[in-house]
Amino acid sequence: MTTVIEMQICLGSSCFSRGNKDVAIYIKDYLKQHHLEGKVVFKGARCMGNCINGPNLMINGRITEGVNLAVIESILDKELAKLK
């Protein structure tokens, strides 16, 4: 059985203005570079209701707060290690 990870990035106005657009581009590139497109369902989401702690990224129902370009690679490395 193939493991599929669901990942959603908040594209609400607060998270978007704090840089989630750039993080979304980075994630798409990361998935392509590591050949994970078929193992990760990645999409944008409406506001997750946690604006004060954003930008937010949800992976399999768990929200990670304060996501930015400085930390996204380590988050992806940790969360997606079992798929590589």
Foldseek 3Di string as FASTA:
>chain_A
DAAAKEKEWEPEPLQVVVAVVVVLVVVVVVCVVVVNPVRYHYYYDYDPPPSVFDRWMAINRDIDGPDDPVCSVVVCCVVCVVVD
